[in-house]
Amino acid sequence: MRSGPYTDGMERSSGGGGESRLVDTWLEPGEEIRLNARPHGVALVRPLGRSLALAAPGAAAAALGPSVHWTLAAAGAVLLAGGALLALSAVWRWDRTAVVLTSDKLFVVCGILKRRAAAVRLDRVQTVEVEQGILGRILGYGTLVAGNLEIPHVPRAREIVRLLR
């Protein structure tokens, strides 16, 4: 039973589908997924900015290099490729991260080659907090703090807090 994905990468699900297969191994028998969300897209700003800072001079050097010296063009191509690899890695890492609320726990699963999960059982959580700066309030994301688990860049964090009550 699934109601379609939100525009920010959130979907409500009770299992099945592409995103839930990332978290199925962390579920216990009978545990039901209430919410499965990717980090907010703002989490990509910093890593993609670094990629651009590396790729932009690389593109300029690759374009101007042949008229100056072939080594400048080669160095530019290497910088450009490095920037592209950093961007690809950041997007892939973002895509392979999930914030999941189940009937029993709240957890985050991340990692590409090595999957890791950090979880907090709902019956042991006394307080749940949402930290949002002004940009987070405008764009609709925040840091969710539940017990000793802190999850940054959670889309619609207030909605998750409402679901926890």
N, C-alpha and C. Protein backbone atom coordinates (compact mmCIF):
# COMPACT_ATOMS: atom_id res chain seq x y z
N MET A 1 0.85 -1.16 0.00
CA MET A 1 0.00 0.00 0.00
C MET A 1 0.89 1.22 0.00
N ARG A 2 0.83 1.99 -1.06
CA ARG A 2 1.77 3.06 -1.23
C ARG A 2 1.05 4.27 -1.81
N SER A 3 1.29 5.43 -1.22
CA SER A 3 0.82 6.64 -1.87
C SER A 3 2.04 7.30 -2.46
N GLY A 4 1.96 7.80 -3.65
CA GLY A 4 3.10 8.20 -4.47
C GLY A 4 4.15 9.07 -3.79
N PRO A 5 5.27 9.21 -4.44
CA PRO A 5 6.38 9.98 -3.88
C PRO A 5 6.07 11.47 -3.86
N TYR A 6 6.57 12.14 -2.83
CA TYR A 6 6.49 13.59 -2.77
C TYR A 6 7.55 14.17 -3.69
N THR A 7 7.45 15.46 -3.97
CA THR A 7 8.42 16.10 -4.85
C THR A 7 9.79 16.20 -4.22
N ASP A 8 9.90 16.10 -2.91
CA ASP A 8 11.19 16.23 -2.25
C ASP A 8 11.82 14.89 -1.93
N GLY A 9 11.33 13.81 -2.52
CA GLY A 9 11.94 12.50 -2.32
C GLY A 9 11.33 11.69 -1.20
N MET A 10 10.27 12.20 -0.55
CA MET A 10 9.64 11.44 0.52
C MET A 10 8.55 10.57 -0.04
N GLU A 11 8.38 9.42 0.52
CA GLU A 11 7.25 8.61 0.16
C GLU A 11 6.79 7.85 1.39
N ARG A 12 5.50 7.63 1.46
CA ARG A 12 4.96 6.79 2.53
C ARG A 12 4.84 5.40 1.94
N SER A 13 5.19 4.44 2.74
CA SER A 13 5.21 3.10 2.20
C SER A 13 5.00 2.09 3.29
N SER A 14 4.47 0.96 2.93
CA SER A 14 4.38 -0.14 3.88
C SER A 14 5.20 -1.31 3.37
N GLY A 15 6.18 -1.00 2.55
CA GLY A 15 7.08 -2.05 2.04
C GLY A 15 7.00 -2.13 0.54
N GLY A 16 7.93 -2.84 -0.05
CA GLY A 16 7.97 -3.01 -1.49
C GLY A 16 8.54 -1.79 -2.16
N GLY A 17 8.79 -1.87 -3.45
CA GLY A 17 9.27 -0.73 -4.20
C GLY A 17 10.77 -0.55 -4.10
N GLY A 18 11.29 0.37 -4.89
CA GLY A 18 12.72 0.58 -5.00
C GLY A 18 13.39 1.11 -3.75
N GLU A 19 12.83 2.16 -3.14
CA GLU A 19 13.48 2.75 -1.98
C GLU A 19 13.46 1.82 -0.78
N SER A 20 12.38 1.06 -0.59
CA SER A 20 12.30 0.25 0.62
C SER A 20 13.29 -0.91 0.59
N ARG A 21 13.73 -1.32 -0.59
CA ARG A 21 14.70 -2.42 -0.61
C ARG A 21 16.02 -2.01 0.02
N LEU A 22 16.29 -0.71 0.10
CA LEU A 22 17.49 -0.22 0.77
C LEU A 22 17.43 -0.46 2.28
N VAL A 23 16.22 -0.54 2.82
CA VAL A 23 16.06 -0.63 4.27
C VAL A 23 15.48 -1.96 4.72
N ASP A 24 15.04 -2.80 3.81
CA ASP A 24 14.39 -4.06 4.19
C ASP A 24 15.25 -4.91 5.12
N THR A 25 16.56 -4.91 4.93
CA THR A 25 17.42 -5.74 5.77
C THR A 25 17.48 -5.26 7.20
N TRP A 26 17.07 -4.02 7.46
CA TRP A 26 17.12 -3.46 8.81
C TRP A 26 15.80 -3.60 9.55
N LEU A 27 14.79 -4.14 8.86
CA LEU A 27 13.47 -4.28 9.48
C LEU A 27 13.33 -5.61 10.20
N GLU A 28 12.54 -5.58 11.26
CA GLU A 28 12.23 -6.81 11.99
C GLU A 28 10.90 -7.34 11.47
N PRO A 29 10.62 -8.64 11.67
CA PRO A 29 9.34 -9.20 11.20
C PRO A 29 8.15 -8.44 11.78
N GLY A 30 7.23 -8.09 10.92
CA GLY A 30 6.03 -7.38 11.33
C GLY A 30 6.19 -5.87 11.43
N GLU A 31 7.40 -5.38 11.27
CA GLU A 31 7.63 -3.94 11.36
C GLU A 31 7.17 -3.29 10.06
N GLU A 32 6.45 -2.20 10.19
CA GLU A 32 5.85 -1.54 9.03
C GLU A 32 6.50 -0.18 8.78
N ILE A 33 6.84 0.10 7.54
CA ILE A 33 7.43 1.39 7.18
C ILE A 33 6.32 2.43 7.10
N ARG A 34 6.46 3.49 7.88
CA ARG A 34 5.50 4.59 7.85
C ARG A 34 5.97 5.71 6.94
N LEU A 35 7.28 5.91 6.89
CA LEU A 35 7.84 6.99 6.09
C LEU A 35 9.24 6.62 5.64
N ASN A 36 9.54 6.86 4.39
CA ASN A 36 10.85 6.58 3.82
C ASN A 36 11.25 7.81 3.01
N ALA A 37 12.31 8.48 3.43
CA ALA A 37 12.68 9.75 2.79
C ALA A 37 14.17 9.83 2.50
N ARG A 38 14.49 10.46 1.42
CA ARG A 38 15.86 10.81 1.07
C ARG A 38 16.19 12.13 1.75
N PRO A 39 17.45 12.43 2.03
CA PRO A 39 17.77 13.76 2.56
C PRO A 39 17.31 14.85 1.59
N HIS A 40 17.03 16.02 2.13
CA HIS A 40 16.62 17.15 1.31
C HIS A 40 17.73 17.47 0.30
N GLY A 41 17.37 17.95 -0.85
CA GLY A 41 18.33 18.28 -1.89
C GLY A 41 19.37 19.31 -1.49
N VAL A 42 19.08 20.11 -0.47
CA VAL A 42 20.04 21.10 -0.01
C VAL A 42 21.31 20.43 0.51
N ALA A 43 21.23 19.17 0.86
CA ALA A 43 22.42 18.43 1.32
C ALA A 43 23.47 18.33 0.21
N LEU A 44 23.07 18.54 -1.03
CA LEU A 44 24.00 18.44 -2.17
C LEU A 44 24.71 19.75 -2.48
N VAL A 45 24.28 20.85 -1.88
CA VAL A 45 24.84 22.16 -2.22
C VAL A 45 26.34 22.22 -1.98
N ARG A 46 26.79 21.85 -0.80
CA ARG A 46 28.21 21.94 -0.47
C ARG A 46 29.07 21.00 -1.33
N PRO A 47 28.74 19.71 -1.44
CA PRO A 47 29.59 18.85 -2.26
C PRO A 47 29.58 19.22 -3.75
N LEU A 48 28.43 19.66 -4.25
CA LEU A 48 28.39 20.06 -5.66
C LEU A 48 29.13 21.38 -5.87
N GLY A 49 29.13 22.24 -4.87
CA GLY A 49 29.92 23.48 -4.93
C GLY A 49 31.41 23.17 -5.02
N ARG A 50 31.87 22.20 -4.22
CA ARG A 50 33.27 21.78 -4.30
C ARG A 50 33.60 21.20 -5.68
N SER A 51 32.69 20.42 -6.20
CA SER A 51 32.91 19.84 -7.53
C SER A 51 33.02 20.93 -8.59
N LEU A 52 32.15 21.91 -8.49
CA LEU A 52 32.18 23.02 -9.44
C LEU A 52 33.46 23.83 -9.29
N ALA A 53 33.92 24.02 -8.04
CA ALA A 53 35.16 24.76 -7.81
C ALA A 53 36.37 24.04 -8.41
N LEU A 54 36.30 22.74 -8.51
CA LEU A 54 37.37 21.97 -9.13
C LEU A 54 37.20 21.90 -10.65
N ALA A 55 35.97 21.74 -11.10
CA ALA A 55 35.72 21.55 -12.53
C ALA A 55 35.83 22.85 -13.34
N ALA A 56 35.43 23.98 -12.77
CA ALA A 56 35.44 25.25 -13.53
C ALA A 56 36.84 25.65 -13.97
N PRO A 57 37.84 25.68 -13.08
CA PRO A 57 39.18 25.99 -13.57
C PRO A 57 39.72 24.91 -14.51
N GLY A 58 39.28 23.67 -14.26
CA GLY A 58 39.70 22.59 -15.16
C GLY A 58 39.17 22.78 -16.56
N ALA A 59 37.90 23.21 -16.66
CA ALA A 59 37.31 23.46 -17.98
C ALA A 59 38.01 24.62 -18.67
N ALA A 60 38.31 25.68 -17.90
CA ALA A 60 39.01 26.83 -18.48
C ALA A 60 40.40 26.44 -18.96
N ALA A 61 41.11 25.66 -18.14
CA ALA A 61 42.46 25.22 -18.53
C ALA A 61 42.40 24.29 -19.73
N ALA A 62 41.40 23.43 -19.79
CA ALA A 62 41.28 22.52 -20.93
C ALA A 62 40.96 23.29 -22.21
N ALA A 63 40.15 24.35 -22.09
CA ALA A 63 39.79 25.14 -23.26
C ALA A 63 40.94 26.02 -23.74
N LEU A 64 41.67 26.62 -22.79
CA LEU A 64 42.75 27.53 -23.16
C LEU A 64 44.09 26.82 -23.34
N GLY A 65 44.20 25.63 -22.78
CA GLY A 65 45.45 24.91 -22.77
C GLY A 65 46.11 24.67 -24.11
N PRO A 66 45.38 24.21 -25.12
CA PRO A 66 46.03 23.91 -26.40
C PRO A 66 46.73 25.12 -27.02
N SER A 67 46.20 26.32 -26.77
CA SER A 67 46.85 27.50 -27.35
C SER A 67 48.09 27.91 -26.55
N VAL A 68 48.20 27.46 -25.28
CA VAL A 68 49.34 27.80 -24.45
C VAL A 68 50.36 26.65 -24.44
N HIS A 69 49.95 25.51 -23.92
CA HIS A 69 50.81 24.34 -23.85
C HIS A 69 49.94 23.12 -23.61
N TRP A 70 50.32 22.00 -24.18
CA TRP A 70 49.50 20.80 -24.06
C TRP A 70 49.37 20.31 -22.62
N THR A 71 50.35 20.58 -21.76
CA THR A 71 50.26 20.12 -20.37
C THR A 71 49.17 20.86 -19.60
N LEU A 72 48.93 22.13 -19.97
CA LEU A 72 47.84 22.88 -19.34
C LEU A 72 46.50 22.26 -19.72
N ALA A 73 46.36 21.87 -20.98
CA ALA A 73 45.13 21.21 -21.42
C ALA A 73 44.94 19.88 -20.70
N ALA A 74 46.02 19.11 -20.54
CA ALA A 74 45.94 17.82 -19.86
C ALA A 74 45.58 18.01 -18.39
N ALA A 75 46.21 19.00 -17.73
CA ALA A 75 45.89 19.27 -16.33
C ALA A 75 44.44 19.71 -16.18
N GLY A 76 43.97 20.51 -17.11
CA GLY A 76 42.57 20.95 -17.10
C GLY A 76 41.61 19.79 -17.26
N ALA A 77 41.95 18.86 -18.14
CA ALA A 77 41.10 17.68 -18.33
C ALA A 77 41.05 16.83 -17.06
N VAL A 78 42.17 16.71 -16.38
CA VAL A 78 42.21 15.94 -15.13
C VAL A 78 41.35 16.62 -14.06
N LEU A 79 41.46 17.95 -13.93
CA LEU A 79 40.63 18.67 -12.97
C LEU A 79 39.15 18.56 -13.30
N LEU A 80 38.83 18.65 -14.57
CA LEU A 80 37.44 18.53 -15.01
C LEU A 80 36.89 17.15 -14.69
N ALA A 81 37.66 16.12 -14.97
CA ALA A 81 37.24 14.74 -14.66
C ALA A 81 37.10 14.55 -13.15
N GLY A 82 38.04 15.12 -12.37
CA GLY A 82 37.95 15.02 -10.91
C GLY A 82 36.69 15.67 -10.37
N GLY A 83 36.35 16.84 -10.90
CA GLY A 83 35.12 17.52 -10.49
C GLY A 83 33.88 16.71 -10.83
N ALA A 84 33.89 16.10 -12.00
CA ALA A 84 32.75 15.26 -12.41
C ALA A 84 32.62 14.04 -11.50
N LEU A 85 33.75 13.43 -11.14
CA LEU A 85 33.71 12.27 -10.25
C LEU A 85 33.23 12.65 -8.85
N LEU A 86 33.67 13.81 -8.35
CA LEU A 86 33.18 14.28 -7.05
C LEU A 86 31.67 14.51 -7.07
N ALA A 87 31.18 15.11 -8.14
CA ALA A 87 29.74 15.36 -8.25
C ALA A 87 28.96 14.04 -8.31
N LEU A 88 29.44 13.12 -9.11
CA LEU A 88 28.78 11.83 -9.23
C LEU A 88 28.76 11.10 -7.89
N SER A 89 29.88 11.13 -7.18
CA SER A 89 29.98 10.49 -5.88
C SER A 89 29.00 11.12 -4.88
N ALA A 90 28.90 12.44 -4.87
CA ALA A 90 28.00 13.13 -3.94
C ALA A 90 26.54 12.77 -4.21
N VAL A 91 26.16 12.78 -5.47
CA VAL A 91 24.78 12.47 -5.82
C VAL A 91 24.47 11.01 -5.51
N TRP A 92 25.41 10.13 -5.79
CA TRP A 92 25.21 8.71 -5.52
C TRP A 92 25.07 8.48 -4.01
N ARG A 93 25.90 9.10 -3.20
CA ARG A 93 25.82 8.97 -1.75
C ARG A 93 24.48 9.50 -1.24
N TRP A 94 24.05 10.64 -1.78
CA TRP A 94 22.76 11.23 -1.39
C TRP A 94 21.62 10.28 -1.75
N ASP A 95 21.68 9.69 -2.93
CA ASP A 95 20.63 8.79 -3.38
C ASP A 95 20.59 7.51 -2.56
N ARG A 96 21.69 7.09 -2.01
CA ARG A 96 21.77 5.84 -1.25
C ARG A 96 21.62 6.08 0.25
N THR A 97 21.05 7.21 0.64
CA THR A 97 20.79 7.51 2.05
C THR A 97 19.28 7.60 2.23
N ALA A 98 18.80 6.99 3.29
CA ALA A 98 17.36 7.00 3.56
C ALA A 98 17.10 7.27 5.04
N VAL A 99 16.13 8.11 5.30
CA VAL A 99 15.62 8.34 6.65
C VAL A 99 14.31 7.58 6.71
N VAL A 100 14.20 6.67 7.67
CA VAL A 100 13.05 5.77 7.70
C VAL A 100 12.39 5.82 9.08
N LEU A 101 11.08 5.96 9.07
CA LEU A 101 10.27 5.87 10.27
C LEU A 101 9.43 4.62 10.13
N THR A 102 9.56 3.72 11.08
CA THR A 102 8.75 2.50 11.06
C THR A 102 7.81 2.51 12.27
N SER A 103 7.08 1.46 12.41
CA SER A 103 6.18 1.34 13.56
C SER A 103 6.96 1.19 14.86
N ASP A 104 8.25 0.79 14.80
CA ASP A 104 9.05 0.56 16.00
C ASP A 104 10.23 1.50 16.19
N LYS A 105 10.77 2.06 15.11
CA LYS A 105 11.99 2.85 15.25
C LYS A 105 12.13 3.91 14.17
N LEU A 106 13.04 4.81 14.44
CA LEU A 106 13.46 5.84 13.49
C LEU A 106 14.92 5.56 13.19
N PHE A 107 15.27 5.47 11.91
CA PHE A 107 16.67 5.22 11.59
C PHE A 107 17.08 5.84 10.28
N VAL A 108 18.38 5.94 10.13
CA VAL A 108 18.98 6.44 8.90
C VAL A 108 19.91 5.35 8.38
N VAL A 109 19.79 5.07 7.09
CA VAL A 109 20.64 4.08 6.43
C VAL A 109 21.46 4.83 5.40
N CYS A 110 22.77 4.60 5.38
CA CYS A 110 23.62 5.29 4.42
C CYS A 110 24.77 4.39 3.99
N GLY A 111 25.43 4.79 2.93
CA GLY A 111 26.59 4.07 2.45
C GLY A 111 26.35 3.52 1.06
N ILE A 112 27.45 3.39 0.33
CA ILE A 112 27.37 2.87 -1.03
C ILE A 112 27.85 1.43 -1.05
N LEU A 113 29.10 1.21 -0.76
CA LEU A 113 29.63 -0.14 -0.75
C LEU A 113 29.38 -0.83 0.59
N LYS A 114 29.49 -0.07 1.66
CA LYS A 114 29.27 -0.59 3.00
C LYS A 114 28.06 0.11 3.58
N ARG A 115 26.96 -0.60 3.76
CA ARG A 115 25.73 0.00 4.29
C ARG A 115 25.80 0.07 5.80
N ARG A 116 25.42 1.21 6.33
CA ARG A 116 25.39 1.42 7.78
C ARG A 116 24.03 1.94 8.18
N ALA A 117 23.63 1.62 9.38
CA ALA A 117 22.36 2.14 9.90
C ALA A 117 22.55 2.59 11.34
N ALA A 118 21.91 3.70 11.67
CA ALA A 118 21.85 4.18 13.05
C ALA A 118 20.38 4.30 13.38
N ALA A 119 19.98 3.72 14.50
CA ALA A 119 18.55 3.67 14.83
C ALA A 119 18.31 4.04 16.28
N VAL A 120 17.08 4.47 16.52
CA VAL A 120 16.62 4.71 17.88
C VAL A 120 15.21 4.12 17.97
N ARG A 121 14.98 3.35 19.00
CA ARG A 121 13.67 2.74 19.20
C ARG A 121 12.69 3.80 19.69
N LEU A 122 11.51 3.81 19.11
CA LEU A 122 10.52 4.84 19.45
C LEU A 122 10.06 4.75 20.89
N ASP A 123 9.98 3.54 21.44
CA ASP A 123 9.51 3.41 22.81
C ASP A 123 10.53 3.91 23.83
N ARG A 124 11.77 4.16 23.39
CA ARG A 124 12.80 4.66 24.29
C ARG A 124 13.07 6.15 24.12
N VAL A 125 12.45 6.76 23.15
CA VAL A 125 12.66 8.18 22.88
C VAL A 125 11.68 8.99 23.72
N GLN A 126 12.22 9.91 24.53
CA GLN A 126 11.35 10.75 25.35
C GLN A 126 11.03 12.06 24.65
N THR A 127 12.01 12.63 23.96
CA THR A 127 11.77 13.88 23.25
C THR A 127 12.30 13.78 21.82
N VAL A 128 11.61 14.45 20.94
CA VAL A 128 12.03 14.57 19.55
C VAL A 128 12.07 16.06 19.23
N GLU A 129 13.20 16.51 18.71
CA GLU A 129 13.36 17.93 18.41
C GLU A 129 13.62 18.14 16.92
N VAL A 130 13.21 19.28 16.44
CA VAL A 130 13.53 19.70 15.07
C VAL A 130 14.30 21.00 15.18
N GLU A 131 15.48 21.03 14.60
CA GLU A 131 16.27 22.26 14.54
C GLU A 131 16.20 22.78 13.12
N GLN A 132 15.76 24.02 12.96
CA GLN A 132 15.65 24.63 11.64
C GLN A 132 16.15 26.05 11.68
N GLY A 133 17.06 26.37 10.77
CA GLY A 133 17.45 27.75 10.58
C GLY A 133 16.43 28.41 9.67
N ILE A 134 16.67 29.66 9.36
CA ILE A 134 15.71 30.36 8.50
C ILE A 134 15.63 29.73 7.10
N LEU A 135 16.78 29.31 6.57
CA LEU A 135 16.78 28.66 5.26
C LEU A 135 16.03 27.33 5.33
N GLY A 136 16.19 26.60 6.41
CA GLY A 136 15.48 25.34 6.59
C GLY A 136 13.98 25.53 6.65
N ARG A 137 13.53 26.60 7.32
CA ARG A 137 12.10 26.88 7.37
C ARG A 137 11.56 27.26 6.01
N ILE A 138 12.33 28.04 5.25
CA ILE A 138 11.89 28.46 3.92
C ILE A 138 11.83 27.28 2.96
N LEU A 139 12.89 26.44 2.98
CA LEU A 139 12.98 25.33 2.02
C LEU A 139 12.35 24.04 2.52
N GLY A 140 11.97 23.97 3.78
CA GLY A 140 11.25 22.82 4.29
C GLY A 140 12.11 21.64 4.70
N TYR A 141 13.22 21.90 5.39
CA TYR A 141 14.04 20.82 5.91
C TYR A 141 14.56 21.20 7.28
N GLY A 142 15.08 20.22 8.00
CA GLY A 142 15.62 20.51 9.31
C GLY A 142 16.46 19.34 9.81
N THR A 143 17.04 19.52 10.97
CA THR A 143 17.79 18.46 11.64
C THR A 143 16.86 17.84 12.67
N LEU A 144 16.68 16.55 12.58
CA LEU A 144 15.82 15.82 13.49
C LEU A 144 16.68 15.20 14.58
N VAL A 145 16.34 15.48 15.82
CA VAL A 145 17.07 14.94 16.97
C VAL A 145 16.10 14.10 17.78
N ALA A 146 16.36 12.79 17.82
CA ALA A 146 15.52 11.86 18.57
C ALA A 146 16.44 11.02 19.45
N GLY A 147 16.40 11.28 20.73
CA GLY A 147 17.33 10.58 21.62
C GLY A 147 18.75 10.96 21.27
N ASN A 148 19.60 9.96 21.06
CA ASN A 148 20.99 10.24 20.70
C ASN A 148 21.22 10.22 19.19
N LEU A 149 20.16 10.16 18.41
CA LEU A 149 20.25 10.14 16.96
C LEU A 149 19.97 11.52 16.40
N GLU A 150 20.91 12.06 15.64
CA GLU A 150 20.76 13.37 15.01
C GLU A 150 20.87 13.18 13.51
N ILE A 151 19.82 13.56 12.77
CA ILE A 151 19.78 13.36 11.32
C ILE A 151 19.64 14.72 10.64
N PRO A 152 20.67 15.17 9.91
CA PRO A 152 20.59 16.47 9.24
C PRO A 152 19.85 16.37 7.90
N HIS A 153 19.39 17.51 7.43
CA HIS A 153 18.78 17.66 6.11
C HIS A 153 17.56 16.76 5.90
N VAL A 154 16.72 16.63 6.91
CA VAL A 154 15.52 15.81 6.80
C VAL A 154 14.41 16.65 6.17
N PRO A 155 13.87 16.20 5.02
CA PRO A 155 12.77 16.95 4.42
C PRO A 155 11.51 16.79 5.27
N ARG A 156 10.76 17.87 5.40
CA ARG A 156 9.51 17.87 6.16
C ARG A 156 9.69 17.26 7.55
N ALA A 157 10.71 17.71 8.25
CA ALA A 157 11.02 17.17 9.57
C ALA A 157 9.86 17.34 10.54
N ARG A 158 9.13 18.41 10.45
CA ARG A 158 7.98 18.63 11.33
C ARG A 158 6.91 17.57 11.11
N GLU A 159 6.74 17.13 9.87
CA GLU A 159 5.77 16.07 9.57
C GLU A 159 6.17 14.77 10.24
N ILE A 160 7.46 14.49 10.26
CA ILE A 160 7.94 13.27 10.92
C ILE A 160 7.67 13.35 12.41
N VAL A 161 7.88 14.52 13.01
CA VAL A 161 7.59 14.69 14.44
C VAL A 161 6.11 14.46 14.70
N ARG A 162 5.25 14.95 13.82
CA ARG A 162 3.81 14.71 13.98
C ARG A 162 3.48 13.22 13.89
N LEU A 163 4.14 12.51 12.99
CA LEU A 163 3.91 11.07 12.86
C LEU A 163 4.40 10.31 14.09
N LEU A 164 5.40 10.84 14.77
CA LEU A 164 5.93 10.19 15.96
C LEU A 164 5.00 10.33 17.16
N ARG A 165 4.15 11.31 17.15
CA ARG A 165 3.25 11.55 18.31
C ARG A 165 2.06 10.64 18.28
